[in-house]
Amino acid sequence: MKKIGILTYHKSINYGSVLQVFALSKLLKRKGFEVEIIDYEPASYNSQYRIFEKTTSVHNVAANIRRLLIFDILWKQKTSFENFRKNYLPLSKKRFTAQNSASDFEDLYDVVICGSDQIWNVRAKDCDPIFFLPGAQKYKKIAYAASINTATYNEERCNETLRKDILDFKYISIREHSGAEKLAAFLNSDKEIKVQPDPSLLQEKNTFEEIASGRIVKVPYIFMYCANYQESTIRAAQKISERLHKPVYTVLVCRSATQISRLKKAGIRIIRDKNRPEDFISYIMNADLVLSDSFHGTAFSIILEKTFYSINDFINGKFVNDERICNILSELGILERYVKETDVEKINLNKEINYSVVTQKRMQFARAAVADLMNAIET
């Protein structure tokens, strides 16, 4: 039995991150492998996910005072993610930090799979060198659906050393076509790069329904899940709420009291005490409509076969496409579900998605991706 280590962003306080690695570990276990999620924590997490900022400036002191008002939300969320990892993720007994290197995995695993999520987005704060498994190692290196997203691969760190490290991978798949194209240009070799779905999209919907909380919001509602909380997205939610005469609920992915104040002023209801990953699934499962500017908000709407619209962010005076969202919606033939704020007054909010077609197409992609991954592990 091969022993597999998965290296990804499992310790971030991000619903998509923990659920995608849950999905991948569950898939590999079902295929008969011994699986561990390598309990690695990037050094950046010490600042990225701390509740209070270091009091090194007047600005930080002011931010901390504002965060006192939402301390209960942030603390419960942090604790709920720790509990989810403990209850659902097969974490390695040994913990790893920036003091460790890729060679420390040699005696532990036959295969190390890097991915999914934005672990190869070199612009991300938590994109750590270890996610490229530098150096020659005894174990087989596989990258599965690693996302590049906004990186161009012309960044300073994209040098010859990084190129050699990536070329050393036995198998590489990327989550979006644009990322695969950027990586292919950077590698400038005949290395095959596949485009394959996020691990969450490899699972049937009952995989997530089984761990979901019971219904939390008792009235009909719209669920909004945002990565950025852009003002245009909030306005879009307001307009849709007015058209459907239904309230908008959200769970937080930010630590900014200013953003929270903006949401409250817009009439969007923030759920303070039910913010576990299991609750996130429940909110999508039971919503009448889902709105999201997030890849995983879109992905879980598709997995759970919900009516949804993905909202195109308006940043610095222009609409900015999320390449990952565009990719999955295009693959499934439902790109019309990606809309701008300016579209929401005229779109048919009651138009249903033909999931008998969409889910069949998704599972066809999933079966092909799983077959490729199994072949890479076994050969």
Protein backbone atom coordinates (compact mmCIF):
# COMPACT_ATOMS: atom_id res chain seq x y z
CA MET A 1 0.00 0.00 0.00
CA LYS A 2 1.49 3.32 -1.07
CA LYS A 3 1.61 6.03 1.55
CA ILE A 4 0.64 9.46 0.24
CA GLY A 5 1.27 12.85 1.83
CA ILE A 6 -0.86 15.81 0.70
CA LEU A 7 0.74 19.25 0.93
CA THR A 8 -1.64 22.19 0.62
CA TYR A 9 -3.25 25.14 2.44
CA HIS A 10 -5.11 23.06 5.01
CA LYS A 11 -4.36 25.42 7.91
CA SER A 12 -5.82 28.58 6.46
CA ILE A 13 -9.09 29.90 7.84
CA ASN A 14 -10.77 29.48 4.50
CA TYR A 15 -13.75 27.24 3.80
CA GLY A 16 -12.67 26.19 0.32
CA SER A 17 -9.16 25.34 1.43
CA VAL A 18 -10.14 22.89 4.16
CA LEU A 19 -12.98 21.34 2.16
CA GLN A 20 -10.90 20.71 -0.95
CA VAL A 21 -8.23 18.83 1.01
CA PHE A 22 -10.97 16.92 2.86
CA ALA A 23 -12.28 15.88 -0.56
CA LEU A 24 -8.88 14.81 -1.90
CA SER A 25 -7.92 12.83 1.20
CA LYS A 26 -11.30 11.07 1.18
CA LEU A 27 -10.93 10.17 -2.50
CA LEU A 28 -7.44 8.72 -2.04
CA LYS A 29 -8.51 6.71 1.01
CA ARG A 30 -11.41 5.30 -0.96
CA LYS A 31 -8.90 4.20 -3.61
CA GLY A 32 -7.06 2.17 -0.99
CA PHE A 33 -4.06 4.38 -0.21
CA GLU A 34 -2.71 5.28 3.20
CA VAL A 35 -3.15 9.05 3.29
CA GLU A 36 -1.90 11.86 5.49
CA ILE A 37 -2.21 15.60 5.14
CA ILE A 38 1.25 16.94 5.86
CA ASP A 39 0.74 19.25 8.82
CA TYR A 40 2.79 22.11 7.45
CA GLU A 41 2.18 25.73 8.42
CA PRO A 42 3.66 28.55 6.31
CA ALA A 43 5.45 31.21 8.34
CA SER A 44 3.04 33.83 6.96
CA TYR A 45 0.11 32.32 8.87
CA ASN A 46 1.42 33.83 12.08
CA SER A 47 0.35 37.21 10.73
CA GLN A 48 -2.30 36.24 8.16
CA TYR A 49 -4.67 34.58 10.59
CA ARG A 50 -3.93 36.15 13.95
CA ILE A 51 -6.97 37.84 15.46
CA PHE A 52 -5.12 40.94 16.66
CA GLU A 53 -2.34 42.81 14.91
CA LYS A 54 0.98 43.49 16.61
CA THR A 55 0.78 46.92 18.24
CA THR A 56 3.60 48.39 16.20
CA SER A 57 1.68 51.40 14.91
CA VAL A 58 -1.26 53.66 15.69
CA HIS A 59 -3.06 52.10 12.73
CA ASN A 60 -2.69 48.60 14.21
CA VAL A 61 -3.87 49.75 17.63
CA ALA A 62 -6.97 51.29 16.05
CA ALA A 63 -7.60 48.11 14.03
CA ASN A 64 -7.36 46.01 17.19
CA ILE A 65 -9.86 48.21 19.01
CA ARG A 66 -12.32 47.77 16.15
CA ARG A 67 -11.73 44.02 16.16
CA LEU A 68 -12.80 43.80 19.78
CA LEU A 69 -16.33 44.31 18.45
CA ILE A 70 -16.07 41.12 16.37
CA PHE A 71 -13.79 39.10 18.63
CA ASP A 72 -16.52 36.52 19.28
CA ILE A 73 -16.91 35.84 15.54
CA LEU A 74 -13.19 35.54 14.89
CA TRP A 75 -12.51 33.36 17.91
CA LYS A 76 -15.38 30.95 17.20
CA GLN A 77 -14.34 30.72 13.57
CA LYS A 78 -10.72 29.99 14.45
CA THR A 79 -11.79 27.33 16.93
CA SER A 80 -14.30 25.78 14.52
CA PHE A 81 -11.62 25.34 11.85
CA GLU A 82 -9.28 23.71 14.36
CA ASN A 83 -12.05 21.29 15.31
CA PHE A 84 -12.84 20.51 11.67
CA ARG A 85 -9.20 19.66 10.99
CA LYS A 86 -9.10 17.47 14.09
CA ASN A 87 -12.35 15.66 13.26
CA TYR A 88 -12.16 15.26 9.48
CA LEU A 89 -8.60 15.62 8.21
CA PRO A 90 -6.05 12.80 8.53
CA LEU A 91 -3.22 15.04 9.72
CA SER A 92 0.33 13.79 10.03
CA LYS A 93 1.46 13.18 13.59
CA LYS A 94 4.54 15.27 12.95
CA ARG A 95 4.12 19.00 12.46
CA PHE A 96 6.30 20.88 10.01
CA THR A 97 7.30 24.53 9.83
CA ALA A 98 9.50 26.79 7.72
CA GLN A 99 12.46 25.22 9.54
CA ASN A 100 11.77 21.97 7.68
CA SER A 101 12.62 21.13 4.09
CA ALA A 102 11.11 18.89 1.40
CA SER A 103 13.70 16.21 2.21
CA ASP A 104 12.08 15.76 5.65
CA PHE A 105 9.22 13.92 3.91
CA GLU A 106 11.51 11.29 2.37
CA ASP A 107 11.18 8.56 4.98
CA LEU A 108 7.47 9.19 5.49
CA TYR A 109 5.83 8.98 2.05
CA ASP A 110 6.07 7.17 -1.27
CA VAL A 111 4.22 10.00 -3.01
CA VAL A 112 3.73 13.66 -2.12
CA ILE A 113 0.81 15.45 -3.82
CA CYS A 114 0.97 19.22 -3.87
CA GLY A 115 -2.46 20.78 -4.25
CA SER A 116 -5.05 21.85 -4.81
CA ASP A 117 -5.74 25.57 -4.06
CA GLN A 118 -3.50 28.52 -4.94
CA ILE A 119 -0.28 26.93 -3.73
CA TRP A 120 1.49 27.85 -7.02
CA ASN A 121 0.22 31.43 -7.11
CA VAL A 122 3.59 33.03 -6.41
CA ARG A 123 1.85 36.31 -5.54
CA ALA A 124 -0.05 34.75 -2.66
CA LYS A 125 1.22 35.59 0.83
CA ASP A 126 1.28 31.93 1.81
CA CYS A 127 2.96 30.62 -1.36
CA ASP A 128 5.90 28.95 0.32
CA PRO A 129 8.93 27.43 -1.49
CA ILE A 130 8.14 24.03 0.04
CA PHE A 131 5.02 23.73 -2.14
CA PHE A 132 7.40 23.24 -5.08
CA LEU A 133 9.26 20.41 -3.26
CA PRO A 134 12.72 21.78 -4.09
CA GLY A 135 15.63 19.42 -4.65
CA ALA A 136 15.92 15.78 -5.66
CA GLN A 137 13.76 13.58 -3.43
CA LYS A 138 13.18 9.83 -3.12
CA TYR A 139 9.40 10.14 -3.22
CA LYS A 140 7.30 10.74 -6.32
CA LYS A 141 6.26 14.38 -6.79
CA ILE A 142 2.76 15.11 -8.08
CA ALA A 143 0.96 18.44 -8.46
CA TYR A 144 -2.81 18.08 -8.60
CA ALA A 145 -4.95 21.07 -9.70
CA ALA A 146 -2.53 23.60 -8.25
CA SER A 147 -3.87 27.07 -9.00
CA ILE A 148 -1.76 29.91 -10.39
CA ASN A 149 -4.65 32.38 -10.65
CA THR A 150 -3.33 35.99 -10.91
CA ALA A 151 0.40 35.20 -11.05
CA THR A 152 2.11 35.80 -14.41
CA TYR A 153 5.20 33.64 -13.83
CA ASN A 154 7.34 36.59 -14.78
CA GLU A 155 7.77 37.38 -11.09
CA GLU A 156 11.29 37.66 -9.66
CA ARG A 157 11.09 34.34 -7.82
CA CYS A 158 10.24 32.53 -11.07
CA ASN A 159 13.85 31.79 -11.87
CA GLU A 160 15.83 28.86 -13.24
CA THR A 161 15.89 27.12 -9.86
CA LEU A 162 12.11 27.16 -9.62
CA ARG A 163 11.85 25.96 -13.21
CA LYS A 164 14.04 22.95 -12.44
CA ASP A 165 12.04 22.16 -9.31
CA ILE A 166 8.76 22.14 -11.25
CA LEU A 167 10.22 20.06 -14.08
CA ASP A 168 11.17 17.46 -11.48
CA PHE A 169 7.47 16.68 -10.86
CA LYS A 170 6.30 13.34 -12.22
CA TYR A 171 2.84 14.73 -12.99
CA ILE A 172 1.45 18.27 -13.15
CA SER A 173 -2.13 19.45 -13.37
CA ILE A 174 -3.34 23.01 -12.94
CA ARG A 175 -6.83 24.22 -12.02
CA GLU A 176 -7.33 26.76 -14.81
CA HIS A 177 -6.37 26.90 -18.52
CA SER A 178 -4.75 30.33 -18.20
CA GLY A 179 -2.52 29.04 -15.39
CA ALA A 180 -1.47 26.03 -17.44
CA GLU A 181 -0.57 28.33 -20.34
CA LYS A 182 1.53 30.60 -18.10
CA LEU A 183 3.32 27.63 -16.57
CA ALA A 184 3.98 26.05 -19.97
CA ALA A 185 5.55 29.27 -21.22
CA PHE A 186 7.69 29.50 -18.08
CA LEU A 187 8.90 25.89 -18.30
CA ASN A 188 9.57 26.12 -22.05
CA SER A 189 9.75 22.33 -22.34
CA ASP A 190 7.67 19.45 -23.61
CA LYS A 191 6.44 18.70 -20.06
CA GLU A 192 2.77 17.79 -20.19
CA ILE A 193 0.52 20.04 -18.09
CA LYS A 194 -3.07 18.95 -17.60
CA VAL A 195 -6.02 21.15 -16.61
CA GLN A 196 -8.11 19.38 -14.00
CA PRO A 197 -10.86 20.17 -11.49
CA ASP A 198 -10.47 21.20 -7.89
CA PRO A 199 -10.68 18.09 -5.63
CA SER A 200 -14.07 19.20 -4.28
CA LEU A 201 -15.49 18.82 -7.81
CA LEU A 202 -14.38 15.18 -7.94
CA GLN A 203 -16.90 14.21 -5.27
CA GLU A 204 -20.63 13.44 -5.43
CA LYS A 205 -22.75 15.93 -3.52
CA ASN A 206 -23.62 13.40 -0.78
CA THR A 207 -19.97 13.45 0.36
CA PHE A 208 -20.56 16.98 1.64
CA GLU A 209 -24.23 16.58 2.58
CA GLU A 210 -23.14 13.88 5.05
CA ILE A 211 -21.03 16.33 7.07
CA ALA A 212 -23.28 19.39 6.72
CA SER A 213 -25.02 20.96 9.69
CA GLY A 214 -28.80 20.89 9.87
CA ARG A 215 -30.67 23.86 8.45
CA ILE A 216 -29.63 27.00 10.34
CA VAL A 217 -31.57 29.86 8.73
CA LYS A 218 -35.24 28.96 9.02
CA VAL A 219 -36.68 31.53 6.59
CA PRO A 220 -36.21 31.61 2.80
CA TYR A 221 -32.89 33.38 2.12
CA ILE A 222 -30.09 34.31 -0.25
CA PHE A 223 -26.61 33.21 0.77
CA MET A 224 -23.70 35.45 -0.20
CA TYR A 225 -20.14 34.15 0.05
CA CYS A 226 -17.40 36.58 -0.85
CA ALA A 227 -13.64 36.53 -0.95
CA ASN A 228 -13.33 40.31 -1.34
CA TYR A 229 -16.59 42.05 -0.34
CA GLN A 230 -16.23 44.57 -3.14
CA GLU A 231 -18.79 47.38 -2.99
CA SER A 232 -20.12 46.38 -6.42
CA THR A 233 -20.78 42.84 -5.16
CA ILE A 234 -22.58 44.14 -2.10
CA ARG A 235 -24.73 46.40 -4.30
CA ALA A 236 -25.52 43.44 -6.55
CA ALA A 237 -26.69 41.46 -3.51
CA GLN A 238 -28.87 44.36 -2.38
CA LYS A 239 -30.53 44.62 -5.79
CA ILE A 240 -31.19 40.89 -5.97
CA SER A 241 -32.55 40.90 -2.42
CA GLU A 242 -34.99 43.66 -3.36
CA ARG A 243 -36.09 41.80 -6.49
CA LEU A 244 -36.69 38.50 -4.69
CA HIS A 245 -37.92 40.02 -1.41
CA LYS A 246 -35.57 37.76 0.52
CA PRO A 247 -32.85 38.61 3.07
CA VAL A 248 -29.14 38.07 2.36
CA TYR A 249 -27.03 36.15 4.86
CA THR A 250 -23.25 35.73 4.88
CA VAL A 251 -20.41 34.21 6.88
CA LEU A 252 -17.22 36.20 7.22
CA VAL A 253 -13.94 35.51 5.49
CA CYS A 254 -12.38 38.79 6.60
CA ARG A 255 -11.11 40.36 9.81
CA SER A 256 -11.91 43.94 8.90
CA ALA A 257 -14.39 45.75 11.15
CA THR A 258 -14.72 48.37 8.38
CA GLN A 259 -15.92 45.75 5.89
CA ILE A 260 -18.29 44.32 8.46
CA SER A 261 -19.76 47.77 9.07
CA ARG A 262 -20.26 48.14 5.30
CA LEU A 263 -22.15 44.84 5.18
CA LYS A 264 -24.40 45.83 8.06
CA LYS A 265 -25.22 49.19 6.47
CA ALA A 266 -26.20 47.32 3.30
CA GLY A 267 -28.65 45.19 5.29
CA ILE A 268 -26.69 41.98 4.82
CA ARG A 269 -27.03 39.72 7.83
CA ILE A 270 -23.79 38.40 9.28
CA ILE A 271 -24.04 35.05 11.03
CA ARG A 272 -21.90 35.44 14.13
CA ASP A 273 -22.06 32.09 15.89
CA LYS A 274 -22.52 29.42 13.21
CA ASN A 275 -19.38 29.63 11.10
CA ARG A 276 -17.94 26.11 10.92
CA PRO A 277 -17.05 24.51 7.58
CA GLU A 278 -20.01 22.19 8.21
CA ASP A 279 -22.23 25.27 8.54
CA PHE A 280 -20.87 26.74 5.30
CA ILE A 281 -22.09 23.66 3.42
CA SER A 282 -25.49 23.93 5.13
CA TYR A 283 -25.90 27.59 4.12
CA ILE A 284 -25.36 26.71 0.47
CA MET A 285 -27.49 23.54 0.62
CA ASN A 286 -30.51 25.34 2.04
CA ALA A 287 -30.31 28.69 0.26
CA ASP A 288 -32.90 29.72 -2.33
CA LEU A 289 -30.10 31.44 -4.27
CA VAL A 290 -26.33 31.64 -3.84
CA LEU A 291 -24.26 34.70 -4.80
CA SER A 292 -20.48 34.53 -4.74
CA ASP A 293 -17.33 36.15 -6.10
CA SER A 294 -15.34 33.16 -4.84
CA PHE A 295 -14.17 30.10 -6.76
CA HIS A 296 -15.20 27.74 -4.00
CA GLY A 297 -18.51 29.55 -3.50
CA THR A 298 -19.14 28.80 -7.17
CA ALA A 299 -17.80 25.24 -6.95
CA PHE A 300 -19.97 24.25 -3.99
CA SER A 301 -23.05 25.79 -5.59
CA ILE A 302 -22.39 23.48 -8.55
CA ILE A 303 -21.63 20.42 -6.41
CA LEU A 304 -24.79 20.92 -4.31
CA GLU A 305 -26.82 21.70 -7.45
CA LYS A 306 -28.05 25.11 -6.39
CA THR A 307 -29.40 28.07 -8.33
CA PHE A 308 -26.54 30.58 -8.20
CA TYR A 309 -24.85 33.55 -9.81
CA SER A 310 -21.14 34.29 -9.58
CA ILE A 311 -20.49 38.01 -9.32
CA ASN A 312 -17.72 39.64 -11.34
CA ASP A 313 -15.60 41.87 -9.08
CA PHE A 314 -15.22 45.57 -9.93
CA ILE A 315 -11.70 46.56 -8.87
CA ASN A 316 -9.89 49.85 -9.50
CA GLY A 317 -12.45 51.04 -11.99
CA LYS A 318 -12.83 47.88 -14.07
CA PHE A 319 -14.43 44.45 -13.97
CA VAL A 320 -11.85 41.75 -13.25
CA ASN A 321 -12.57 38.17 -14.26
CA ASP A 322 -11.63 35.40 -11.88
CA GLU A 323 -9.91 32.99 -14.24
CA ARG A 324 -10.73 29.99 -12.06
CA ILE A 325 -14.47 30.79 -12.07
CA CYS A 326 -14.47 31.43 -15.82
CA ASN A 327 -12.74 28.11 -16.40
CA ILE A 328 -15.14 25.89 -14.47
CA LEU A 329 -18.27 27.64 -15.75
CA SER A 330 -17.03 27.43 -19.34
CA GLU A 331 -16.16 23.74 -18.96
CA LEU A 332 -19.68 23.02 -17.73
CA GLY A 333 -21.41 25.20 -20.32
CA ILE A 334 -22.93 27.68 -17.86
CA LEU A 335 -20.76 30.77 -18.29
CA GLU A 336 -23.95 32.89 -18.32
CA ARG A 337 -24.05 32.43 -14.52
CA TYR A 338 -21.06 34.81 -14.26
CA VAL A 339 -22.57 38.30 -14.12
CA LYS A 340 -21.67 41.91 -13.41
CA GLU A 341 -23.45 44.21 -11.00
CA THR A 342 -24.84 46.04 -14.01
CA ASP A 343 -26.53 42.82 -15.18
CA VAL A 344 -28.51 41.95 -12.07
CA GLU A 345 -31.55 44.11 -12.78
CA LYS A 346 -32.25 42.33 -16.06
CA ILE A 347 -31.22 38.69 -15.50
CA ASN A 348 -33.86 36.03 -14.87
CA LEU A 349 -33.25 35.18 -11.22
CA ASN A 350 -35.66 32.25 -11.37
CA LYS A 351 -33.94 30.56 -14.31
CA GLU A 352 -32.90 27.12 -13.17
CA ILE A 353 -29.75 25.23 -14.13
CA ASN A 354 -30.19 21.89 -15.86
CA TYR A 355 -28.18 19.85 -13.39
CA SER A 356 -29.01 16.56 -15.07
CA VAL A 357 -26.67 17.80 -17.80
CA VAL A 358 -24.23 19.85 -15.71
CA THR A 359 -23.61 17.20 -13.05
CA GLN A 360 -23.21 14.47 -15.67
CA LYS A 361 -20.62 16.60 -17.45
CA ARG A 362 -18.85 17.41 -14.15
CA MET A 363 -18.62 13.75 -13.20
CA GLN A 364 -17.24 12.88 -16.63
CA PHE A 365 -14.43 15.39 -16.03
CA ALA A 366 -14.00 13.97 -12.53
CA ARG A 367 -13.67 10.36 -13.70
CA ALA A 368 -11.05 11.30 -16.30
CA ALA A 369 -9.09 13.36 -13.75
CA VAL A 370 -9.17 10.58 -11.15
CA ALA A 371 -8.00 8.02 -13.72
CA ASP A 372 -5.07 10.25 -14.68
CA LEU A 373 -4.16 10.84 -11.04
CA MET A 374 -4.31 7.13 -10.18
CA ASN A 375 -2.10 6.35 -13.15
CA ALA A 376 0.44 8.96 -12.03
CA ILE A 377 0.52 7.52 -8.50
CA GLU A 378 0.82 3.89 -9.57
CA THR A 379 3.27 4.08 -12.50
